[in-house]
Amino acid sequence: MTAATDQILQDNENFRLSRIQAAGWAAARLYLNGGDPCDEKKIAALNPHKAAAERVRWFAGFNSALDRL
């Protein structure tokens, strides 16, 4: 692959992960609107991702929302 192709692939992956992080943020808002206290097991069960990088980004979004709300 060329450097340009590698950059495009990296940009696409970064964008995809940013959408996963945004989904985690949105999930936190819905979770908190339900009035439930923060329960680690319940929160972990909300994360639909299996791959480590995706799970980390989803939790980053979730935690970011908690920090701001």
C-alpha atoms as a PDB file:
ATOM      1  CA  MET A   1       0.000   0.000   0.000  1.00  0.00           C
ATOM      2  CA  THR A   2       1.041   3.552  -0.518  1.00  0.00           C
ATOM      3  CA  ALA A   3       1.380   6.138   2.199  1.00  0.00           C
ATOM      4  CA  ALA A   4      -1.722   7.900   0.856  1.00  0.00           C
ATOM      5  CA  THR A   5      -3.752   4.692   1.047  1.00  0.00           C
ATOM      6  CA  ASP A   6      -2.516   4.039   4.570  1.00  0.00           C
ATOM      7  CA  GLN A   7      -3.558   7.558   5.578  1.00  0.00           C
ATOM      8  CA  ILE A   8      -7.034   7.114   4.097  1.00  0.00           C
ATOM      9  CA  LEU A   9      -7.463   3.826   5.940  1.00  0.00           C
ATOM     10  CA  GLN A  10      -6.293   5.398   9.188  1.00  0.00           C
ATOM     11  CA  ASP A  11      -8.635   8.368   8.723  1.00  0.00           C
ATOM     12  CA  ASN A  12     -11.547   5.997   8.084  1.00  0.00           C
ATOM     13  CA  GLU A  13     -10.714   3.979  11.199  1.00  0.00           C
ATOM     14  CA  ASN A  14     -10.415   7.122  13.320  1.00  0.00           C
ATOM     15  CA  PHE A  15     -13.804   8.305  12.079  1.00  0.00           C
ATOM     16  CA  ARG A  16     -15.393   4.898  12.745  1.00  0.00           C
ATOM     17  CA  LEU A  17     -14.021   4.862  16.290  1.00  0.00           C
ATOM     18  CA  SER A  18     -15.227   8.427  16.868  1.00  0.00           C
ATOM     19  CA  ARG A  19     -18.768   7.281  15.971  1.00  0.00           C
ATOM     20  CA  ILE A  20     -18.453   4.432  18.473  1.00  0.00           C
ATOM     21  CA  GLN A  21     -17.357   6.931  21.114  1.00  0.00           C
ATOM     22  CA  ALA A  22     -20.356   9.121  20.271  1.00  0.00           C
ATOM     23  CA  ALA A  23     -22.643   6.099  20.656  1.00  0.00           C
ATOM     24  CA  GLY A  24     -21.200   5.524  24.133  1.00  0.00           C
ATOM     25  CA  TRP A  25     -21.891   9.164  25.006  1.00  0.00           C
ATOM     26  CA  ALA A  26     -25.481   8.815  23.797  1.00  0.00           C
ATOM     27  CA  ALA A  27     -25.911   5.587  25.774  1.00  0.00           C
ATOM     28  CA  ALA A  28     -24.789   7.356  28.959  1.00  0.00           C
ATOM     29  CA  ARG A  29     -27.373  10.068  28.468  1.00  0.00           C
ATOM     30  CA  LEU A  30     -30.120   7.485  28.030  1.00  0.00           C
ATOM     31  CA  TYR A  31     -28.844   5.493  30.999  1.00  0.00           C
ATOM     32  CA  LEU A  32     -28.802   8.512  33.277  1.00  0.00           C
ATOM     33  CA  ASN A  33     -32.236   9.649  32.104  1.00  0.00           C
ATOM     34  CA  GLY A  34     -33.554   6.310  33.397  1.00  0.00           C
ATOM     35  CA  GLY A  35     -32.529   7.309  36.921  1.00  0.00           C
ATOM     36  CA  ASP A  36     -30.374   4.240  37.565  1.00  0.00           C
ATOM     37  CA  PRO A  37     -27.315   4.690  39.737  1.00  0.00           C
ATOM     38  CA  CYS A  38     -24.013   3.949  38.047  1.00  0.00           C
ATOM     39  CA  ASP A  39     -23.666   0.169  38.190  1.00  0.00           C
ATOM     40  CA  GLU A  40     -20.486  -1.175  36.568  1.00  0.00           C
ATOM     41  CA  LYS A  41     -22.093  -4.465  35.488  1.00  0.00           C
ATOM     42  CA  LYS A  42     -25.115  -2.772  33.930  1.00  0.00           C
ATOM     43  CA  ILE A  43     -22.889  -0.291  32.111  1.00  0.00           C
ATOM     44  CA  ALA A  44     -20.603  -3.052  30.802  1.00  0.00           C
ATOM     45  CA  ALA A  45     -23.667  -4.927  29.534  1.00  0.00           C
ATOM     46  CA  LEU A  46     -24.742  -1.855  27.543  1.00  0.00           C
ATOM     47  CA  ASN A  47     -21.518  -1.892  25.516  1.00  0.00           C
ATOM     48  CA  PRO A  48     -22.358  -3.832  22.324  1.00  0.00           C
ATOM     49  CA  HIS A  49     -18.760  -4.113  21.087  1.00  0.00           C
ATOM     50  CA  LYS A  50     -16.481  -7.143  21.313  1.00  0.00           C
ATOM     51  CA  ALA A  51     -13.167  -5.783  20.009  1.00  0.00           C
ATOM     52  CA  ALA A  52     -10.981  -4.116  22.636  1.00  0.00           C
ATOM     53  CA  ALA A  53     -10.412  -0.889  20.687  1.00  0.00           C
ATOM     54  CA  GLU A  54     -14.129  -0.468  20.137  1.00  0.00           C
ATOM     55  CA  ARG A  55     -15.023  -1.265  23.757  1.00  0.00           C
ATOM     56  CA  VAL A  56     -12.446   1.269  24.985  1.00  0.00           C
ATOM     57  CA  ARG A  57     -13.788   4.026  22.731  1.00  0.00           C
ATOM     58  CA  TRP A  58     -17.406   3.297  23.688  1.00  0.00           C
ATOM     59  CA  PHE A  59     -16.488   3.496  27.396  1.00  0.00           C
ATOM     60  CA  ALA A  60     -14.545   6.707  26.732  1.00  0.00           C
ATOM     61  CA  GLY A  61     -17.700   8.253  25.304  1.00  0.00           C
ATOM     62  CA  PHE A  62     -19.833   6.924  28.135  1.00  0.00           C
ATOM     63  CA  ASN A  63     -17.458   8.260  30.788  1.00  0.00           C
ATOM     64  CA  SER A  64     -17.135  11.582  29.000  1.00  0.00           C
ATOM     65  CA  ALA A  65     -20.893  12.038  29.192  1.00  0.00           C
ATOM     66  CA  LEU A  66     -20.903  11.127  32.889  1.00  0.00           C
ATOM     67  CA  ASP A  67     -18.246  13.754  33.550  1.00  0.00           C
ATOM     68  CA  ARG A  68     -20.296  16.437  31.818  1.00  0.00           C
ATOM     69  CA  LEU A  69     -23.722  15.596  33.215  1.00  0.00           C
END
